[in-house]
C-alpha atoms as a PDB file:
ATOM      1  CA  MET A   1      37.642  32.399 -79.472  1.00  0.00           C
ATOM      2  CA  SER A   2      38.320  29.621 -81.675  1.00  0.00           C
ATOM      3  CA  LEU A   3      39.130  29.810 -85.131  1.00  0.00           C
ATOM      4  CA  ASP A   4      36.012  29.769 -86.019  1.00  0.00           C
ATOM      5  CA  GLY A   5      32.656  30.993 -85.722  1.00  0.00           C
ATOM      6  CA  GLU A   6      30.095  33.814 -86.547  1.00  0.00           C
ATOM      7  CA  TYR A   7      31.027  37.657 -87.032  1.00  0.00           C
ATOM      8  CA  ASP A   8      30.403  39.824 -84.367  1.00  0.00           C
ATOM      9  CA  PRO A   9      28.990  43.172 -86.028  1.00  0.00           C
ATOM     10  CA  ASP A  10      29.982  44.955 -82.840  1.00  0.00           C
ATOM     11  CA  ASN A  11      33.223  43.863 -81.825  1.00  0.00           C
ATOM     12  CA  LEU A  12      35.968  47.158 -81.180  1.00  0.00           C
ATOM     13  CA  PHE A  13      36.240  47.339 -84.759  1.00  0.00           C
ATOM     14  CA  ALA A  14      32.999  47.065 -86.465  1.00  0.00           C
ATOM     15  CA  ARG A  15      32.316  50.212 -84.140  1.00  0.00           C
ATOM     16  CA  ILE A  16      35.238  52.077 -84.853  1.00  0.00           C
ATOM     17  CA  LEU A  17      34.408  51.700 -88.388  1.00  0.00           C
ATOM     18  CA  ARG A  18      30.758  53.110 -87.434  1.00  0.00           C
ATOM     19  CA  GLY A  19      31.846  55.676 -85.729  1.00  0.00           C
ATOM     20  CA  GLU A  20      31.117  54.499 -82.660  1.00  0.00           C
ATOM     21  CA  LEU A  21      34.155  54.876 -80.759  1.00  0.00           C
ATOM     22  CA  PRO A  22      36.948  57.248 -80.943  1.00  0.00           C
ATOM     23  CA  CYS A  23      40.557  56.573 -83.163  1.00  0.00           C
ATOM     24  CA  ALA A  24      43.482  58.684 -84.154  1.00  0.00           C
ATOM     25  CA  LYS A  25      42.963  57.156 -88.021  1.00  0.00           C
ATOM     26  CA  VAL A  26      45.522  57.107 -90.421  1.00  0.00           C
ATOM     27  CA  TYR A  27      43.920  56.536 -93.268  1.00  0.00           C
ATOM     28  CA  GLU A  28      40.741  55.897 -95.164  1.00  0.00           C
ATOM     29  CA  ASP A  29      38.929  54.477 -98.578  1.00  0.00           C
ATOM     30  CA  ALA A  30      36.470  52.760-100.047  1.00  0.00           C
ATOM     31  CA  ASP A  31      37.931  49.642 -98.799  1.00  0.00           C
ATOM     32  CA  VAL A  32      40.949  49.520 -96.499  1.00  0.00           C
ATOM     33  CA  PHE A  33      40.589  51.822 -92.757  1.00  0.00           C
ATOM     34  CA  ALA A  34      44.449  52.165 -90.987  1.00  0.00           C
ATOM     35  CA  PHE A  35      44.309  53.524 -87.171  1.00  0.00           C
ATOM     36  CA  MET A  36      46.961  54.164 -84.348  1.00  0.00           C
ATOM     37  CA  ASP A  37      46.430  51.552 -81.773  1.00  0.00           C
ATOM     38  CA  ILE A  38      45.602  52.978 -78.983  1.00  0.00           C
ATOM     39  CA  PHE A  39      48.221  50.221 -76.833  1.00  0.00           C
ATOM     40  CA  PRO A  40      50.926  50.495 -79.379  1.00  0.00           C
ATOM     41  CA  GLN A  41      54.428  48.371 -79.199  1.00  0.00           C
ATOM     42  CA  SER A  42      56.364  50.658 -80.684  1.00  0.00           C
ATOM     43  CA  ARG A  43      56.118  54.269 -81.656  1.00  0.00           C
ATOM     44  CA  GLY A  44      53.991  54.346 -84.762  1.00  0.00           C
ATOM     45  CA  HIS A  45      51.895  51.211 -84.171  1.00  0.00           C
ATOM     46  CA  LEU A  46      49.363  50.913 -86.367  1.00  0.00           C
ATOM     47  CA  LEU A  47      46.510  49.043 -87.494  1.00  0.00           C
ATOM     48  CA  VAL A  48      44.814  47.965 -91.284  1.00  0.00           C
ATOM     49  CA  ILE A  49      41.404  46.679 -91.194  1.00  0.00           C
ATOM     50  CA  SER A  50      38.957  46.302 -94.168  1.00  0.00           C
ATOM     51  CA  LYS A  51      36.247  48.003 -94.590  1.00  0.00           C
ATOM     52  CA  ALA A  52      35.090  45.588 -97.107  1.00  0.00           C
ATOM     53  CA  SER A  53      35.213  41.472 -95.614  1.00  0.00           C
ATOM     54  CA  HIS A  54      33.547  40.935 -92.848  1.00  0.00           C
ATOM     55  CA  ALA A  55      35.433  38.386 -91.666  1.00  0.00           C
ATOM     56  CA  ARG A  56      37.237  37.461 -88.584  1.00  0.00           C
ATOM     57  CA  ASN A  57      41.053  36.035 -89.512  1.00  0.00           C
ATOM     58  CA  LEU A  58      42.587  35.814 -91.877  1.00  0.00           C
ATOM     59  CA  LEU A  59      40.961  32.078 -92.344  1.00  0.00           C
ATOM     60  CA  ASP A  60      37.570  33.750 -93.404  1.00  0.00           C
ATOM     61  CA  VAL A  61      38.349  36.318 -96.137  1.00  0.00           C
ATOM     62  CA  GLU A  62      37.012  36.857 -99.210  1.00  0.00           C
ATOM     63  CA  PRO A  63      40.967  36.350-101.362  1.00  0.00           C
ATOM     64  CA  ALA A  64      40.021  39.503-103.651  1.00  0.00           C
ATOM     65  CA  ALA A  65      38.890  41.373 -99.891  1.00  0.00           C
ATOM     66  CA  LEU A  66      42.997  40.237 -99.021  1.00  0.00           C
ATOM     67  CA  ALA A  67      44.708  41.317-102.132  1.00  0.00           C
ATOM     68  CA  THR A  68      43.878  45.001-101.697  1.00  0.00           C
ATOM     69  CA  LEU A  69      43.422  44.636 -97.780  1.00  0.00           C
ATOM     70  CA  ILE A  70      47.439  43.471 -98.168  1.00  0.00           C
ATOM     71  CA  ALA A  71      48.205  46.285-101.121  1.00  0.00           C
ATOM     72  CA  GLY A  72      46.770  49.033 -98.176  1.00  0.00           C
ATOM     73  CA  VAL A  73      49.386  47.372 -95.243  1.00  0.00           C
ATOM     74  CA  GLN A  74      51.633  47.403 -97.405  1.00  0.00           C
ATOM     75  CA  ARG A  75      51.109  51.444 -98.322  1.00  0.00           C
ATOM     76  CA  LEU A  76      50.421  51.336 -94.310  1.00  0.00           C
ATOM     77  CA  ALA A  77      54.230  50.010 -94.325  1.00  0.00           C
ATOM     78  CA  ARG A  78      55.731  52.981 -96.643  1.00  0.00           C
ATOM     79  CA  ALA A  79      53.637  55.879 -95.177  1.00  0.00           C
ATOM     80  CA  ALA A  80      55.038  54.672 -92.103  1.00  0.00           C
ATOM     81  CA  ARG A  81      58.857  54.549 -92.804  1.00  0.00           C
ATOM     82  CA  ALA A  82      58.781  57.155 -94.617  1.00  0.00           C
ATOM     83  CA  ALA A  83      57.727  59.228 -91.536  1.00  0.00           C
ATOM     84  CA  LEU A  84      59.250  57.563 -88.416  1.00  0.00           C
ATOM     85  CA  LYS A  85      62.283  56.777 -90.238  1.00  0.00           C
ATOM     86  CA  PRO A  86      62.303  53.171 -88.085  1.00  0.00           C
ATOM     87  CA  ASP A  87      65.054  51.134 -87.638  1.00  0.00           C
ATOM     88  CA  GLY A  88      63.005  48.158 -89.565  1.00  0.00           C
ATOM     89  CA  LEU A  89      58.562  47.592 -89.752  1.00  0.00           C
ATOM     90  CA  MET A  90      57.349  44.131 -88.421  1.00  0.00           C
ATOM     91  CA  VAL A  91      53.912  42.972 -89.731  1.00  0.00           C
ATOM     92  CA  SER A  92      52.032  40.674 -88.089  1.00  0.00           C
ATOM     93  CA  GLN A  93      48.294  39.102 -87.735  1.00  0.00           C
ATOM     94  CA  PHE A  94      46.746  36.353 -85.370  1.00  0.00           C
ATOM     95  CA  ASN A  95      44.492  34.228 -85.873  1.00  0.00           C
ATOM     96  CA  GLY A  96      42.358  32.782 -83.206  1.00  0.00           C
ATOM     97  CA  ALA A  97      43.094  34.136 -79.594  1.00  0.00           C
ATOM     98  CA  PRO A  98      45.177  31.425 -78.776  1.00  0.00           C
ATOM     99  CA  ALA A  99      48.176  32.845 -81.346  1.00  0.00           C
ATOM    100  CA  GLY A 100      46.940  36.756 -80.017  1.00  0.00           C
ATOM    101  CA  GLN A 101      44.158  37.873 -81.490  1.00  0.00           C
ATOM    102  CA  THR A 102      42.377  39.964 -79.820  1.00  0.00           C
ATOM    103  CA  VAL A 103      39.476  41.096 -81.625  1.00  0.00           C
ATOM    104  CA  PHE A 104      37.726  38.745 -84.049  1.00  0.00           C
ATOM    105  CA  HIS A 105      37.881  41.056 -87.049  1.00  0.00           C
ATOM    106  CA  LEU A 106      40.691  40.920 -89.050  1.00  0.00           C
ATOM    107  CA  HIS A 107      43.427  42.785 -88.665  1.00  0.00           C
ATOM    108  CA  PHE A 108      48.020  43.662 -89.760  1.00  0.00           C
ATOM    109  CA  HIS A 109      49.648  45.483 -86.898  1.00  0.00           C
ATOM    110  CA  ILE A 110      52.399  47.288 -88.520  1.00  0.00           C
ATOM    111  CA  ILE A 111      54.475  48.102 -86.142  1.00  0.00           C
ATOM    112  CA  PRO A 112      57.884  50.101 -86.265  1.00  0.00           C
ATOM    113  CA  ARG A 113      60.724  48.949 -84.923  1.00  0.00           C
ATOM    114  CA  TYR A 114      63.764  51.804 -83.484  1.00  0.00           C
ATOM    115  CA  GLY A 115      67.898  49.672 -82.936  1.00  0.00           C
ATOM    116  CA  HIS A 116      67.445  47.359 -79.812  1.00  0.00           C
ATOM    117  CA  GLU A 117      64.290  48.458 -77.632  1.00  0.00           C
ATOM    118  CA  PRO A 118      62.813  46.397 -76.692  1.00  0.00           C
ATOM    119  CA  LEU A 119      59.397  44.796 -77.826  1.00  0.00           C
ATOM    120  CA  PRO A 120      56.799  44.487 -75.689  1.00  0.00           C
ATOM    121  CA  GLY A 121      54.071  41.070 -76.199  1.00  0.00           C
ATOM    122  CA  HIS A 122      51.141  41.966 -77.553  1.00  0.00           C
ATOM    123  CA  ALA A 123      48.745  44.723 -75.789  1.00  0.00           C
ATOM    124  CA  GLU A 124      50.311  44.535 -72.151  1.00  0.00           C
ATOM    125  CA  GLY A 125      51.632  47.685 -71.797  1.00  0.00           C
ATOM    126  CA  GLY A 126      49.415  50.351 -70.824  1.00  0.00           C
ATOM    127  CA  PRO A 127      47.297  53.084 -73.302  1.00  0.00           C
ATOM    128  CA  ALA A 128      48.811  55.343 -75.145  1.00  0.00           C
ATOM    129  CA  ASN A 129      48.565  59.274 -74.557  1.00  0.00           C
ATOM    130  CA  ALA A 130      45.660  60.163 -76.933  1.00  0.00           C
ATOM    131  CA  ASP A 131      47.308  63.352 -78.197  1.00  0.00           C
ATOM    132  CA  GLU A 132      50.787  61.568 -79.050  1.00  0.00           C
ATOM    133  CA  LEU A 133      48.150  58.924 -81.355  1.00  0.00           C
ATOM    134  CA  ALA A 134      47.009  61.490 -82.959  1.00  0.00           C
ATOM    135  CA  ALA A 135      50.101  63.144 -84.327  1.00  0.00           C
ATOM    136  CA  LEU A 136      51.895  60.238 -85.116  1.00  0.00           C
ATOM    137  CA  ALA A 137      48.527  59.826 -86.835  1.00  0.00           C
ATOM    138  CA  LYS A 138      48.515  63.175 -88.677  1.00  0.00           C
ATOM    139  CA  THR A 139      52.570  62.503 -89.604  1.00  0.00           C
ATOM    140  CA  ILE A 140      52.364  58.374 -91.270  1.00  0.00           C
ATOM    141  CA  ALA A 141      49.087  60.187 -92.798  1.00  0.00           C
ATOM    142  CA  ALA A 142      51.150  63.301 -94.487  1.00  0.00           C
ATOM    143  CA  GLU A 143      53.374  59.837 -95.743  1.00  0.00           C
ATOM    144  CA  VAL A 144      50.808  58.408 -97.646  1.00  0.00           C
ATOM    145  CA  SER A 145      50.552  58.128-101.673  1.00  0.00           C
END
């Protein structure tokens, strides 16, 4: 999919927000929703999405919604750092299929990095164990302030 187009209200993340698909939820407020990536690139990989905007990508989002969302990304990155004690944190965001975007609902990835562990490509690994994701979600959620 290109950078331009109409927002699909039936995309995976919209369905998660409506409760139609399960997720390992980490955090939710009126504007921001965070949950564990089911195809994690590292232990603790989570996604942060906007509840307030129907933007497909960074180029579509309203500035006020982006400001709120990025504050949520920072809050969740701090929680992941406190909970998991990684050596580093990578925050990424893709715009358009050629850039690696697979779900066309604006979202940010928070990916903990541990030492010299290799980082597989985006969505290259298999699905994570649901029980492990739920435990990680709970651990990170306990550090959200």
